[in-house]
C-alpha atoms as a PDB file:
ATOM      1  CA  MET A   1     -50.523 -15.453 -36.605  1.00  0.00           C
ATOM      2  CA  LEU A   2     -49.219 -12.571 -34.707  1.00  0.00           C
ATOM      3  CA  VAL A   3     -49.555 -14.387 -31.224  1.00  0.00           C
ATOM      4  CA  ASN A   4     -46.934 -17.055 -32.502  1.00  0.00           C
ATOM      5  CA  ASN A   5     -44.698 -14.294 -33.527  1.00  0.00           C
ATOM      6  CA  PRO A   6     -41.284 -15.294 -31.370  1.00  0.00           C
ATOM      7  CA  THR A   7     -40.133 -11.477 -31.896  1.00  0.00           C
ATOM      8  CA  MET A   8     -43.194 -10.033 -30.092  1.00  0.00           C
ATOM      9  CA  LEU A   9     -43.153  -9.112 -26.560  1.00  0.00           C
ATOM     10  CA  GLU A  10     -45.994 -11.246 -24.608  1.00  0.00           C
ATOM     11  CA  SER A  11     -47.569  -7.812 -23.619  1.00  0.00           C
ATOM     12  CA  GLN A  12     -47.239  -6.922 -27.604  1.00  0.00           C
ATOM     13  CA  LYS A  13     -49.202 -10.272 -28.210  1.00  0.00           C
ATOM     14  CA  ILE A  14     -52.093  -9.893 -25.764  1.00  0.00           C
ATOM     15  CA  GLU A  15     -52.611  -6.199 -26.235  1.00  0.00           C
ATOM     16  CA  SER A  16     -52.841  -7.164 -30.390  1.00  0.00           C
ATOM     17  CA  ALA A  17     -54.885 -10.466 -29.072  1.00  0.00           C
ATOM     18  CA  GLY A  18     -57.340  -7.985 -27.038  1.00  0.00           C
ATOM     19  CA  HIS A  19     -57.450  -5.365 -29.618  1.00  0.00           C
ATOM     20  CA  GLU A  20     -58.849  -7.827 -32.182  1.00  0.00           C
ATOM     21  CA  LEU A  21     -61.369  -9.434 -29.605  1.00  0.00           C
ATOM     22  CA  PHE A  22     -62.666  -6.212 -28.872  1.00  0.00           C
ATOM     23  CA  HIS A  23     -63.617  -5.835 -32.615  1.00  0.00           C
ATOM     24  CA  ALA A  24     -65.723  -9.051 -32.568  1.00  0.00           C
ATOM     25  CA  TYR A  25     -67.339  -7.587 -29.322  1.00  0.00           C
ATOM     26  CA  GLN A  26     -68.194  -4.493 -31.200  1.00  0.00           C
ATOM     27  CA  SER A  27     -69.358  -6.532 -34.125  1.00  0.00           C
ATOM     28  CA  GLU A  28     -71.673  -8.812 -31.914  1.00  0.00           C
ATOM     29  CA  PHE A  29     -73.408  -5.344 -30.659  1.00  0.00           C
ATOM     30  CA  GLY A  30     -73.715  -4.127 -34.342  1.00  0.00           C
ATOM     31  CA  GLU A  31     -70.760  -1.588 -34.192  1.00  0.00           C
ATOM     32  CA  THR A  32     -69.554  -2.305 -37.925  1.00  0.00           C
ATOM     33  CA  GLY A  33     -67.773  -0.814 -40.758  1.00  0.00           C
ATOM     34  CA  ALA A  34     -64.358   1.206 -40.330  1.00  0.00           C
ATOM     35  CA  THR A  35     -64.582   3.945 -38.005  1.00  0.00           C
ATOM     36  CA  ILE A  36     -62.039   5.970 -36.041  1.00  0.00           C
ATOM     37  CA  ASN A  37     -64.277   5.134 -33.083  1.00  0.00           C
ATOM     38  CA  ARG A  38     -64.172   1.272 -33.606  1.00  0.00           C
ATOM     39  CA  GLU A  39     -60.057   1.582 -33.483  1.00  0.00           C
ATOM     40  CA  VAL A  40     -59.694   3.893 -30.641  1.00  0.00           C
ATOM     41  CA  GLY A  41     -61.870   1.790 -28.862  1.00  0.00           C
ATOM     42  CA  ALA A  42     -60.156  -1.370 -29.667  1.00  0.00           C
ATOM     43  CA  TYR A  43     -56.679   0.204 -28.918  1.00  0.00           C
ATOM     44  CA  ALA A  44     -58.111   1.665 -25.394  1.00  0.00           C
ATOM     45  CA  PHE A  45     -59.230  -1.998 -24.488  1.00  0.00           C
ATOM     46  CA  GLY A  46     -56.011  -3.461 -25.548  1.00  0.00           C
ATOM     47  CA  ARG A  47     -53.934  -0.917 -23.671  1.00  0.00           C
ATOM     48  CA  VAL A  48     -56.155  -1.190 -20.445  1.00  0.00           C
ATOM     49  CA  LEU A  49     -56.055  -4.993 -20.933  1.00  0.00           C
ATOM     50  CA  VAL A  50     -52.166  -5.155 -20.696  1.00  0.00           C
ATOM     51  CA  THR A  51     -51.981  -2.770 -17.732  1.00  0.00           C
ATOM     52  CA  ASP A  52     -54.613  -4.360 -15.756  1.00  0.00           C
ATOM     53  CA  ILE A  53     -52.805  -7.509 -15.753  1.00  0.00           C
ATOM     54  CA  GLY A  54     -49.724  -6.047 -14.900  1.00  0.00           C
ATOM     55  CA  TYR A  55     -47.558  -5.177 -18.074  1.00  0.00           C
ATOM     56  CA  ASP A  56     -46.242  -2.051 -18.872  1.00  0.00           C
ATOM     57  CA  ALA A  57     -48.212  -0.052 -21.592  1.00  0.00           C
ATOM     58  CA  LEU A  58     -46.194   0.339 -24.798  1.00  0.00           C
ATOM     59  CA  GLY A  59     -46.243   3.780 -26.387  1.00  0.00           C
ATOM     60  CA  TYR A  60     -48.072   4.206 -29.598  1.00  0.00           C
ATOM     61  CA  GLY A  61     -46.139   7.391 -30.311  1.00  0.00           C
ATOM     62  CA  THR A  62     -43.219   7.643 -32.470  1.00  0.00           C
ATOM     63  CA  SER A  63     -40.566  10.497 -32.384  1.00  0.00           C
ATOM     64  CA  SER A  64     -42.738  12.231 -35.034  1.00  0.00           C
ATOM     65  CA  PRO A  65     -44.785  15.107 -33.489  1.00  0.00           C
ATOM     66  CA  TYR A  66     -47.962  13.652 -34.643  1.00  0.00           C
ATOM     67  CA  GLY A  67     -47.091  10.406 -32.972  1.00  0.00           C
ATOM     68  CA  GLN A  68     -46.293  11.999 -29.883  1.00  0.00           C
ATOM     69  CA  ILE A  69     -49.783  13.877 -30.086  1.00  0.00           C
ATOM     70  CA  TYR A  70     -51.551  10.453 -30.330  1.00  0.00           C
ATOM     71  CA  GLU A  71     -49.558   9.139 -27.651  1.00  0.00           C
ATOM     72  CA  ASN A  72     -50.474  12.033 -25.137  1.00  0.00           C
ATOM     73  CA  ALA A  73     -53.977  11.864 -26.453  1.00  0.00           C
ATOM     74  CA  MET A  74     -54.435   7.952 -25.698  1.00  0.00           C
ATOM     75  CA  SER A  75     -52.845   8.125 -22.447  1.00  0.00           C
ATOM     76  CA  THR A  76     -55.008  11.208 -21.105  1.00  0.00           C
ATOM     77  CA  PHE A  77     -57.900   9.297 -22.202  1.00  0.00           C
ATOM     78  CA  VAL A  78     -57.329   5.789 -20.575  1.00  0.00           C
ATOM     79  CA  ASN A  79     -56.027   7.351 -17.446  1.00  0.00           C
ATOM     80  CA  SER A  80     -58.925   9.904 -17.320  1.00  0.00           C
ATOM     81  CA  THR A  81     -61.146   9.408 -13.820  1.00  0.00           C
ATOM     82  CA  THR A  82     -63.971   9.631 -16.203  1.00  0.00           C
ATOM     83  CA  PHE A  83     -62.997   6.565 -18.547  1.00  0.00           C
ATOM     84  CA  ASN A  84     -64.961   3.438 -16.962  1.00  0.00           C
ATOM     85  CA  GLN A  85     -62.457   0.824 -17.364  1.00  0.00           C
END
């Protein structure tokens, strides 16, 4: 289980648990199946969860150009004035 992994940071454990719990929330409200929207929602929830309780958000991007594009898009999304946290 990820939350018992001693090599993970506390913020990673919280973010991972939040991500998976958001999938449970989605299922309860009929959002099922593997879709990009479900994953983006879960990643956004996990990121907002850890930052709201005081941790720094971990970057999702890698050193690759595509990773940086993803990181910039996710940061813009969750920090947008129109995103309802």
